Structure formats: structure tokens, C-alpha cells
C-alpha atoms as a PDB file:
ATOM      1  CA  MET A   1      -2.920 -21.817  -0.147  1.00  0.00           C
ATOM      2  CA  ALA A   2      -2.697 -18.822   2.961  1.00  0.00           C
ATOM      3  CA  GLY A   3       1.700 -18.594   4.627  1.00  0.00           C
ATOM      4  CA  LYS A   4       2.327 -20.036   7.840  1.00  0.00           C
ATOM      5  CA  PRO A   5       1.720 -18.244  11.098  1.00  0.00           C
ATOM      6  CA  PHE A   6       4.017 -15.554  12.139  1.00  0.00           C
ATOM      7  CA  PRO A   7       4.867 -15.226  16.301  1.00  0.00           C
ATOM      8  CA  SER A   8       2.393 -13.366  18.572  1.00  0.00           C
ATOM      9  CA  GLY A   9       4.991 -10.610  18.702  1.00  0.00           C
ATOM     10  CA  GLN A  10       4.081  -9.407  15.640  1.00  0.00           C
ATOM     11  CA  GLN A  11       0.238  -9.237  15.603  1.00  0.00           C
ATOM     12  CA  PHE A  12      -1.404  -5.708  15.975  1.00  0.00           C
ATOM     13  CA  GLN A  13      -4.010  -6.269  19.167  1.00  0.00           C
ATOM     14  CA  SER A  14      -7.980  -5.159  18.036  1.00  0.00           C
ATOM     15  CA  ASP A  15     -11.163  -5.577  20.397  1.00  0.00           C
ATOM     16  CA  LYS A  16     -12.847  -5.639  16.764  1.00  0.00           C
ATOM     17  CA  TRP A  17     -12.588  -7.700  13.768  1.00  0.00           C
ATOM     18  CA  MET A  18     -14.414  -7.987  10.986  1.00  0.00           C
ATOM     19  CA  ALA A  19     -16.326 -11.965  10.423  1.00  0.00           C
ATOM     20  CA  ILE A  20     -15.197 -13.788   7.560  1.00  0.00           C
ATOM     21  CA  PRO A  21     -17.371 -14.746   5.078  1.00  0.00           C
ATOM     22  CA  GLU A  22     -19.080 -17.998   4.903  1.00  0.00           C
ATOM     23  CA  ASN A  23     -19.291 -20.003   1.653  1.00  0.00           C
ATOM     24  CA  GLN A  24     -17.195 -18.369  -0.721  1.00  0.00           C
ATOM     25  CA  PRO A  25     -16.616 -20.532  -3.805  1.00  0.00           C
ATOM     26  CA  GLY A  26     -13.559 -20.194  -5.891  1.00  0.00           C
ATOM     27  CA  CYS A  27     -12.288 -17.562  -2.962  1.00  0.00           C
ATOM     28  CA  ALA A  28      -8.665 -18.199  -1.908  1.00  0.00           C
ATOM     29  CA  SER A  29      -8.476 -18.734   1.930  1.00  0.00           C
ATOM     30  CA  GLY A  30      -7.766 -15.399   3.571  1.00  0.00           C
ATOM     31  CA  LEU A  31      -9.133 -13.655   0.912  1.00  0.00           C
ATOM     32  CA  GLU A  32     -12.369 -14.185   2.031  1.00  0.00           C
ATOM     33  CA  CYS A  33     -13.378 -10.244   3.313  1.00  0.00           C
ATOM     34  CA  LEU A  34     -12.290  -8.271   0.487  1.00  0.00           C
ATOM     35  CA  THR A  35     -15.377 -10.303  -1.374  1.00  0.00           C
ATOM     36  CA  GLN A  36     -17.649  -7.985   0.685  1.00  0.00           C
ATOM     37  CA  ILE A  37     -15.958  -4.376   0.769  1.00  0.00           C
ATOM     38  CA  ASP A  38     -15.346  -1.449  -1.861  1.00  0.00           C
ATOM     39  CA  LYS A  39     -13.390   0.160   0.448  1.00  0.00           C
ATOM     40  CA  LEU A  40     -10.542  -0.171   3.208  1.00  0.00           C
ATOM     41  CA  VAL A  41      -8.926   2.596   5.014  1.00  0.00           C
ATOM     42  CA  LEU A  42      -4.936   2.005   6.235  1.00  0.00           C
ATOM     43  CA  HIS A  43      -3.816   3.385   9.137  1.00  0.00           C
ATOM     44  CA  GLN A  44      -0.369   3.696   9.801  1.00  0.00           C
ATOM     45  CA  VAL A  45       1.325   2.498  13.865  1.00  0.00           C
ATOM     46  CA  VAL A  46       4.138   4.586  14.955  1.00  0.00           C
ATOM     47  CA  GLU A  47       6.079   3.485  17.763  1.00  0.00           C
ATOM     48  CA  LEU A  48       7.574   5.581  20.272  1.00  0.00           C
ATOM     49  CA  LEU A  49      11.518   5.481  18.989  1.00  0.00           C
ATOM     50  CA  GLU A  50      10.578   6.708  15.799  1.00  0.00           C
ATOM     51  CA  ALA A  51       7.678   9.475  17.409  1.00  0.00           C
ATOM     52  CA  VAL A  52      10.759  10.959  19.506  1.00  0.00           C
ATOM     53  CA  SER A  53      13.693   9.882  17.659  1.00  0.00           C
ATOM     54  CA  GLY A  54      12.496  10.962  14.229  1.00  0.00           C
ATOM     55  CA  TRP A  55      14.234   7.175  13.286  1.00  0.00           C
ATOM     56  CA  GLU A  56      13.067   5.509  10.382  1.00  0.00           C
ATOM     57  CA  THR A  57      11.788   1.726  12.025  1.00  0.00           C
ATOM     58  CA  LYS A  58       9.545  -0.936  10.579  1.00  0.00           C
ATOM     59  CA  ASN A  59       6.410   0.346   9.148  1.00  0.00           C
ATOM     60  CA  LYS A  60       3.158  -0.879  10.997  1.00  0.00           C
ATOM     61  CA  TYR A  61      -0.170  -0.231   9.448  1.00  0.00           C
ATOM     62  CA  ALA A  62      -3.780  -1.704  10.650  1.00  0.00           C
ATOM     63  CA  ILE A  63      -6.409  -2.648   8.064  1.00  0.00           C
ATOM     64  CA  LYS A  64      -9.963  -2.159   8.278  1.00  0.00           C
ATOM     65  CA  ASN A  65     -13.374  -1.159   6.318  1.00  0.00           C
ATOM     66  CA  THR A  66     -15.641   1.690   6.838  1.00  0.00           C
ATOM     67  CA  LYS A  67     -17.270   0.637  10.073  1.00  0.00           C
ATOM     68  CA  GLY A  68     -13.673   0.107  11.672  1.00  0.00           C
ATOM     69  CA  GLU A  69     -14.020  -3.260  12.084  1.00  0.00           C
ATOM     70  CA  GLN A  70      -9.994  -4.850  11.140  1.00  0.00           C
ATOM     71  CA  ILE A  71      -9.339  -6.810   8.833  1.00  0.00           C
ATOM     72  CA  TYR A  72      -5.573  -7.536   8.173  1.00  0.00           C
ATOM     73  CA  TYR A  73      -2.020  -6.279   9.695  1.00  0.00           C
ATOM     74  CA  ALA A  74       0.523  -5.727   7.914  1.00  0.00           C
ATOM     75  CA  PHE A  75       3.937  -4.763   8.981  1.00  0.00           C
ATOM     76  CA  GLU A  76       7.556  -4.269   7.497  1.00  0.00           C
ATOM     77  CA  GLU A  77      10.362  -6.281   6.946  1.00  0.00           C
ATOM     78  CA  SER A  78      13.224  -4.932   5.813  1.00  0.00           C
ATOM     79  CA  GLY A  79      16.941  -4.421   6.948  1.00  0.00           C
ATOM     80  CA  THR A  80      18.153  -1.259   9.769  1.00  0.00           C
ATOM     81  CA  LEU A  81      20.625  -0.418   6.848  1.00  0.00           C
ATOM     82  CA  MET A  82      18.717  -0.238   4.376  1.00  0.00           C
ATOM     83  CA  ARG A  83      16.430   2.038   6.464  1.00  0.00           C
ATOM     84  CA  LEU A  84      18.909   4.317   7.865  1.00  0.00           C
ATOM     85  CA  LEU A  85      20.591   4.740   4.405  1.00  0.00           C
ATOM     86  CA  CYS A  86      18.073   4.282   1.300  1.00  0.00           C
ATOM     87  CA  GLY A  87      14.542   6.366   3.412  1.00  0.00           C
ATOM     88  CA  PRO A  88      11.712   5.792   1.663  1.00  0.00           C
ATOM     89  CA  ARG A  89      13.952   4.370  -1.225  1.00  0.00           C
ATOM     90  CA  ARG A  90      14.659   1.401   0.616  1.00  0.00           C
ATOM     91  CA  GLY A  91      13.737  -2.498  -0.664  1.00  0.00           C
ATOM     92  CA  PHE A  92      10.873  -4.019   1.064  1.00  0.00           C
ATOM     93  CA  ASN A  93       8.270  -7.203   2.352  1.00  0.00           C
ATOM     94  CA  ILE A  94       5.423  -6.249   4.005  1.00  0.00           C
ATOM     95  CA  HIS A  95       3.693  -9.245   5.578  1.00  0.00           C
ATOM     96  CA  ILE A  96      -0.250  -8.523   5.022  1.00  0.00           C
ATOM     97  CA  VAL A  97      -1.886 -11.346   8.125  1.00  0.00           C
ATOM     98  CA  ASP A  98      -5.776 -12.063   9.177  1.00  0.00           C
ATOM     99  CA  LYS A  99      -6.448 -12.031  12.690  1.00  0.00           C
ATOM    100  CA  THR A 100      -5.093 -15.684  13.355  1.00  0.00           C
ATOM    101  CA  ASN A 101      -1.880 -14.377  12.756  1.00  0.00           C
ATOM    102  CA  ARG A 102      -1.817 -16.004   9.359  1.00  0.00           C
ATOM    103  CA  GLU A 103       0.225 -14.329   6.465  1.00  0.00           C
ATOM    104  CA  VAL A 104      -3.044 -13.913   3.510  1.00  0.00           C
ATOM    105  CA  ILE A 105      -1.038 -11.578   1.035  1.00  0.00           C
ATOM    106  CA  ASN A 106       2.777 -10.446   1.072  1.00  0.00           C
ATOM    107  CA  ILE A 107       3.568  -7.746  -1.093  1.00  0.00           C
ATOM    108  CA  SER A 108       8.323  -6.893  -2.166  1.00  0.00           C
ATOM    109  CA  ARG A 109       9.940  -4.835  -3.869  1.00  0.00           C
ATOM    110  CA  GLU A 110      13.291  -4.398  -4.341  1.00  0.00           C
ATOM    111  CA  PHE A 111      15.590  -1.776  -4.084  1.00  0.00           C
ATOM    112  CA  LYS A 112      16.997   0.299  -7.277  1.00  0.00           C
ATOM    113  CA  CYS A 113      19.640   3.149  -7.003  1.00  0.00           C
ATOM    114  CA  CYS A 114      18.339   4.959  -9.894  1.00  0.00           C
ATOM    115  CA  ALA A 115      14.584   4.660  -9.198  1.00  0.00           C
ATOM    116  CA  THR A 116      12.933   8.079  -7.582  1.00  0.00           C
ATOM    117  CA  GLY A 117       9.899   9.734  -7.542  1.00  0.00           C
ATOM    118  CA  CYS A 118      10.245  11.575 -10.054  1.00  0.00           C
ATOM    119  CA  PRO A 119       8.051  10.891 -13.091  1.00  0.00           C
ATOM    120  CA  TRP A 120      11.300  11.634 -15.465  1.00  0.00           C
ATOM    121  CA  PHE A 121      13.422   9.335 -14.559  1.00  0.00           C
ATOM    122  CA  THR A 122      11.391   7.167 -15.326  1.00  0.00           C
ATOM    123  CA  CYS A 123      11.307   7.126 -18.491  1.00  0.00           C
ATOM    124  CA  CYS A 124      14.947   5.764 -17.920  1.00  0.00           C
ATOM    125  CA  LYS A 125      14.894   1.737 -18.898  1.00  0.00           C
ATOM    126  CA  GLY A 126      15.250   0.276 -15.586  1.00  0.00           C
ATOM    127  CA  CYS A 127      14.655   3.116 -13.313  1.00  0.00           C
ATOM    128  CA  TYR A 128      11.300   2.854 -12.147  1.00  0.00           C
ATOM    129  CA  HIS A 129       9.933   1.368  -8.781  1.00  0.00           C
ATOM    130  CA  GLU A 130       8.168  -1.525  -9.337  1.00  0.00           C
ATOM    131  CA  LEU A 131       5.849  -3.430  -6.858  1.00  0.00           C
ATOM    132  CA  ARG A 132       5.037  -7.041  -6.607  1.00  0.00           C
ATOM    133  CA  VAL A 133       2.037  -8.587  -4.434  1.00  0.00           C
ATOM    134  CA  GLU A 134       1.611 -12.307  -3.466  1.00  0.00           C
ATOM    135  CA  ALA A 135      -2.110 -13.141  -2.476  1.00  0.00           C
ATOM    136  CA  PRO A 136      -2.312 -15.617  -1.942  1.00  0.00           C
ATOM    137  CA  VAL A 137       0.948 -16.351  -0.539  1.00  0.00           C
ATOM    138  CA  GLY A 138       2.980 -17.936  -2.850  1.00  0.00           C
ATOM    139  CA  GLU A 139       0.799 -16.874  -6.444  1.00  0.00           C
ATOM    140  CA  VAL A 140       1.941 -13.840  -7.660  1.00  0.00           C
ATOM    141  CA  ALA A 141      -1.404 -11.956  -8.242  1.00  0.00           C
ATOM    142  CA  GLY A 142       0.241  -9.017 -10.088  1.00  0.00           C
ATOM    143  CA  TYR A 143       1.655  -6.151  -9.872  1.00  0.00           C
ATOM    144  CA  VAL A 144       2.381  -2.294  -8.918  1.00  0.00           C
ATOM    145  CA  ARG A 145       4.389  -0.285 -11.571  1.00  0.00           C
ATOM    146  CA  GLN A 146       5.424   3.852 -11.920  1.00  0.00           C
ATOM    147  CA  THR A 147       5.237   4.504 -15.349  1.00  0.00           C
ATOM    148  CA  CYS A 148       6.738   7.481 -17.445  1.00  0.00           C
ATOM    149  CA  SER A 149       5.038  11.293 -17.044  1.00  0.00           C
ATOM    150  CA  LEU A 150       6.148  15.252 -17.433  1.00  0.00           C
ATOM    151  CA  LEU A 151       4.272  16.103 -14.124  1.00  0.00           C
ATOM    152  CA  ALA A 152       1.436  13.869 -12.580  1.00  0.00           C
ATOM    153  CA  PRO A 153       2.656  10.759 -10.984  1.00  0.00           C
ATOM    154  CA  ARG A 154       1.605   7.511 -13.038  1.00  0.00           C
ATOM    155  CA  PHE A 155       1.378   4.063 -12.212  1.00  0.00           C
ATOM    156  CA  GLU A 156      -0.302   0.738 -13.939  1.00  0.00           C
ATOM    157  CA  ILE A 157      -1.342  -1.845 -12.729  1.00  0.00           C
ATOM    158  CA  LEU A 158      -0.863  -5.252 -14.055  1.00  0.00           C
ATOM    159  CA  ASP A 159      -1.744  -8.577 -13.882  1.00  0.00           C
ATOM    160  CA  LYS A 160       0.457 -11.695 -13.113  1.00  0.00           C
ATOM    161  CA  ASP A 161       1.396 -11.861 -16.777  1.00  0.00           C
ATOM    162  CA  HIS A 162       2.412  -8.284 -16.831  1.00  0.00           C
ATOM    163  CA  TYR A 163      -0.601  -7.381 -18.837  1.00  0.00           C
ATOM    164  CA  PRO A 164      -2.000  -3.889 -17.536  1.00  0.00           C
ATOM    165  CA  ILE A 165      -5.172  -3.586 -16.236  1.00  0.00           C
ATOM    166  CA  PHE A 166      -5.652  -0.343 -14.259  1.00  0.00           C
ATOM    167  CA  GLY A 167      -3.851   2.781 -14.164  1.00  0.00           C
ATOM    168  CA  ILE A 168      -3.442   5.035 -11.564  1.00  0.00           C
ATOM    169  CA  LYS A 169      -2.916   9.009 -11.874  1.00  0.00           C
ATOM    170  CA  GLY A 170      -1.821  11.141  -8.592  1.00  0.00           C
ATOM    171  CA  PRO A 171      -2.009  15.128  -8.315  1.00  0.00           C
ATOM    172  CA  LEU A 172       0.170  17.644 -10.308  1.00  0.00           C
ATOM    173  CA  LEU A 173       1.451  18.397  -6.733  1.00  0.00           C
ATOM    174  CA  ILE A 174       2.904  16.135  -4.021  1.00  0.00           C
ATOM    175  CA  CYS A 175       5.004  18.630  -1.794  1.00  0.00           C
ATOM    176  CA  ASP A 176       5.474  19.462   1.807  1.00  0.00           C
ATOM    177  CA  ILE A 177       3.150  22.700   1.473  1.00  0.00           C
ATOM    178  CA  LEU A 178       0.313  20.906   0.960  1.00  0.00           C
ATOM    179  CA  TRP A 179       0.547  18.844   3.613  1.00  0.00           C
ATOM    180  CA  CYS A 180      -2.192  19.620   5.195  1.00  0.00           C
ATOM    181  CA  PHE A 181      -4.649  18.778   2.181  1.00  0.00           C
ATOM    182  CA  ASP A 182      -5.925  15.551   1.168  1.00  0.00           C
ATOM    183  CA  LYS A 183      -4.125  13.771  -1.678  1.00  0.00           C
ATOM    184  CA  THR A 184      -6.128  11.319  -4.262  1.00  0.00           C
ATOM    185  CA  PHE A 185      -4.795   9.117  -6.511  1.00  0.00           C
ATOM    186  CA  ASN A 186      -7.539   8.270  -9.102  1.00  0.00           C
ATOM    187  CA  ILE A 187      -7.613   4.453 -10.603  1.00  0.00           C
ATOM    188  CA  ASN A 188      -8.858   3.539 -13.694  1.00  0.00           C
ATOM    189  CA  SER A 189      -9.667   1.412 -16.803  1.00  0.00           C
ATOM    190  CA  HIS A 190      -6.782   0.962 -18.490  1.00  0.00           C
ATOM    191  CA  LEU A 191      -9.131   0.695 -21.856  1.00  0.00           C
ATOM    192  CA  ASP A 192     -10.409   3.906 -20.572  1.00  0.00           C
ATOM    193  CA  ARG A 193      -7.559   5.984 -19.010  1.00  0.00           C
ATOM    194  CA  ARG A 194      -9.691   9.651 -19.217  1.00  0.00           C
ATOM    195  CA  GLY A 195     -13.018   8.401 -18.291  1.00  0.00           C
ATOM    196  CA  THR A 196     -14.956   8.291 -15.036  1.00  0.00           C
ATOM    197  CA  PRO A 197     -12.323   6.969 -12.126  1.00  0.00           C
ATOM    198  CA  ILE A 198     -13.472   3.521 -11.302  1.00  0.00           C
ATOM    199  CA  GLY A 199     -12.222   4.014  -7.805  1.00  0.00           C
ATOM    200  CA  GLU A 200      -9.438   6.337  -5.704  1.00  0.00           C
ATOM    201  CA  ILE A 201      -6.510   6.327  -3.153  1.00  0.00           C
ATOM    202  CA  ALA A 202      -6.717   8.798  -0.942  1.00  0.00           C
ATOM    203  CA  LYS A 203      -3.646   9.956   1.542  1.00  0.00           C
ATOM    204  CA  LYS A 204      -6.193  11.495   4.080  1.00  0.00           C
ATOM    205  CA  PHE A 205      -5.234  14.050   6.150  1.00  0.00           C
ATOM    206  CA  SER A 206      -4.795  12.877   9.901  1.00  0.00           C
ATOM    207  CA  GLY A 207      -4.252  15.900  12.050  1.00  0.00           C
ATOM    208  CA  ILE A 208      -1.376  18.926  13.021  1.00  0.00           C
ATOM    209  CA  ALA A 209       0.853  16.906  15.285  1.00  0.00           C
ATOM    210  CA  LYS A 210       0.750  13.634  13.678  1.00  0.00           C
ATOM    211  CA  GLU A 211       1.502  15.505  10.040  1.00  0.00           C
ATOM    212  CA  LEU A 212       4.501  17.654  11.522  1.00  0.00           C
ATOM    213  CA  PHE A 213       5.652  14.873  13.873  1.00  0.00           C
ATOM    214  CA  THR A 214       5.561  11.489  12.270  1.00  0.00           C
ATOM    215  CA  ASP A 215       5.129   9.515   8.986  1.00  0.00           C
ATOM    216  CA  ALA A 216       1.766   8.418  10.344  1.00  0.00           C
ATOM    217  CA  ASP A 217      -0.434   8.314   7.668  1.00  0.00           C
ATOM    218  CA  LEU A 218      -3.822   7.415   6.608  1.00  0.00           C
ATOM    219  CA  PHE A 219      -5.091   6.088   3.239  1.00  0.00           C
ATOM    220  CA  GLY A 220      -8.121   5.199   2.089  1.00  0.00           C
ATOM    221  CA  VAL A 221      -8.582   3.111  -1.230  1.00  0.00           C
ATOM    222  CA  SER A 222     -11.670   2.111  -3.456  1.00  0.00           C
ATOM    223  CA  PHE A 223     -13.170  -0.335  -5.858  1.00  0.00           C
ATOM    224  CA  PRO A 224     -15.989  -1.288  -7.311  1.00  0.00           C
ATOM    225  CA  HIS A 225     -17.723  -4.399  -5.053  1.00  0.00           C
ATOM    226  CA  ASP A 226     -17.510  -6.864  -7.884  1.00  0.00           C
ATOM    227  CA  LEU A 227     -13.944  -6.876  -8.038  1.00  0.00           C
ATOM    228  CA  ASP A 228     -12.342  -9.886  -8.112  1.00  0.00           C
ATOM    229  CA  VAL A 229     -10.638  -9.903  -4.739  1.00  0.00           C
ATOM    230  CA  THR A 230      -6.311 -10.406  -6.375  1.00  0.00           C
ATOM    231  CA  MET A 231      -7.211  -7.237  -8.334  1.00  0.00           C
ATOM    232  CA  LYS A 232      -8.244  -5.617  -4.865  1.00  0.00           C
ATOM    233  CA  ALA A 233      -5.170  -7.730  -3.258  1.00  0.00           C
ATOM    234  CA  VAL A 234      -2.916  -5.521  -6.185  1.00  0.00           C
ATOM    235  CA  LEU A 235      -4.699  -2.071  -5.872  1.00  0.00           C
ATOM    236  CA  LEU A 236      -3.954  -2.344  -2.129  1.00  0.00           C
ATOM    237  CA  GLY A 237      -0.324  -2.299  -2.954  1.00  0.00           C
ATOM    238  CA  ALA A 238      -0.354   0.498  -4.535  1.00  0.00           C
ATOM    239  CA  VAL A 239      -0.923   1.806  -1.111  1.00  0.00           C
ATOM    240  CA  PHE A 240       2.419   1.315   0.549  1.00  0.00           C
ATOM    241  CA  LEU A 241       3.848   2.086  -2.886  1.00  0.00           C
ATOM    242  CA  ILE A 242       2.733   5.377  -3.164  1.00  0.00           C
ATOM    243  CA  ASP A 243       3.306   5.959   0.081  1.00  0.00           C
ATOM    244  CA  PHE A 244       6.817   5.046   0.584  1.00  0.00           C
ATOM    245  CA  MET A 245       7.178   6.952  -2.266  1.00  0.00           C
ATOM    246  CA  TYR A 246       5.815  10.340  -1.764  1.00  0.00           C
ATOM    247  CA  PHE A 247       4.636   9.714   2.292  1.00  0.00           C
ATOM    248  CA  GLU A 248       7.017   8.356   4.030  1.00  0.00           C
ATOM    249  CA  GLY A 249       9.635  10.863   4.721  1.00  0.00           C
ATOM    250  CA  GLU A 250       6.924  14.077   5.067  1.00  0.00           C
ATOM    251  CA  SER A 251       8.121  14.353   8.824  1.00  0.00           C
ATOM    252  CA  GLY A 252      11.982  13.844   8.307  1.00  0.00           C
ATOM    253  CA  GLY A 253      12.526  10.945   8.771  1.00  0.00           C
ATOM    254  CA  LEU A 254      15.702   9.268   8.549  1.00  0.00           C
END
């Protein structure tokens, strides 16, 4: 069952929403649009306070299809002190709502003091980032877990029983000197890690002004068209984890 509606003030107003497909048997309410797409585009919405002061505010995202039609709106729930003191390592809840303001996906990460973006630290038990995805809300769809590696960042996409489904491998270099280039994280089947990627998560260069002075990010995530909608939701969750771990602090915000 989809979650309860949120106050109207939490919604991002858009004049172009994707029409909700009808007659989708077996598909949970609120996830119908995911049956029709193989790519999502995420635009981070930056508030004036963060753009001017550099202070970290709650993240907000417009989630669209490739036609520019909005499908969902996502907003972060986290404590002020957690954002100011822990920055991109903070714990959070991401509420994803549809055009009626009903929560349809929930994404959460607990704060871990020893977890970092460095893949070496992940080899220590418990020192890895893990994110849980509920789709629909109240039903665990799967998890995204950072895994141990020497150089390139790696993640596992797990189902609700923690069985590995996909692996994600990022680029060797994710650093400030390469801020003007797109950065791609390839998605592979867990059974064929070295085969042809079945999808990707790409952080797109969003322009000099946005890259230098804000944390406003532009992402795309692609996956097989016929993939189960709950796994599409988990891969969407991976975008948020990658954003917080590697791109949240690019502009030097608190």
C-alpha cells in the first residue's frame, strides 16, 4: 500500500506530469509509471539559502522521464545538526511522492561514524554505507550496499532477502579536478560482473555555475525496460546513495 499524503508545501509544482498508465495487473499502486520506462532523470532542486550561503539544506529532487515529464518528487528528511555536523555522511530518509503528494517510495540510510566514500574502509566489518528501499512504502524492495574494492567504488543491489541481484562499478577517479566531466557507474548482473552492462547511473555535468557554487546535481539512471518495478525503485535508490557519498560536498557546503 502506498504511503499517506504529505502536506502540500512539500510538493514541487510542475505543469507537466507523466500520465499514470492504466491496467497494470500485479503492480503496486504508485509504481505504475515505472512499468513504461527504461530511464529516469533526476534534477536536484537548490534552495536560495544553500546557493548563497553554502549551508547544507534538505535535498530535493524532481524525477522525470526522458521526455521531461515529471514522475515523482523526492525530498529529504534529516536533522539540522546531522546535516551541519555530518555533511554527506548523515543519516536520512528520502520520501518520494507522486503528483497527488502520496508517498510511494521510501529510501533510508542510517548514520555510521566509520563509513566513508573510500572503498578500502568498506573491508572493515560494519564500515560500509547501506541504504534500504521500500516500494511501496512499508514493504522492503531491496538494499544498496557499498562493497570492498581497491580503487573504483563498488556497490551491490540486493533483494529484500539480501540476495545479490546487480553489481555497480564506478569510475577510478572521482575528484574535484574532474568536475567538468560526466561520471558513469555501470550496472551489471551479479552473475556476469564483467559482461556488457545492463544499465548505468551517470552524473551529468550541469554547467559551470551550478558545479562551482552549488550542490545541484543532474543524474540519469537506465535499466532494462522489463525489469521488475521494485528493482527499478532500488536502482533509483542507488542514485541517492552515490550522490550523497561522492557529489554532495563538491561545492564546499557544510
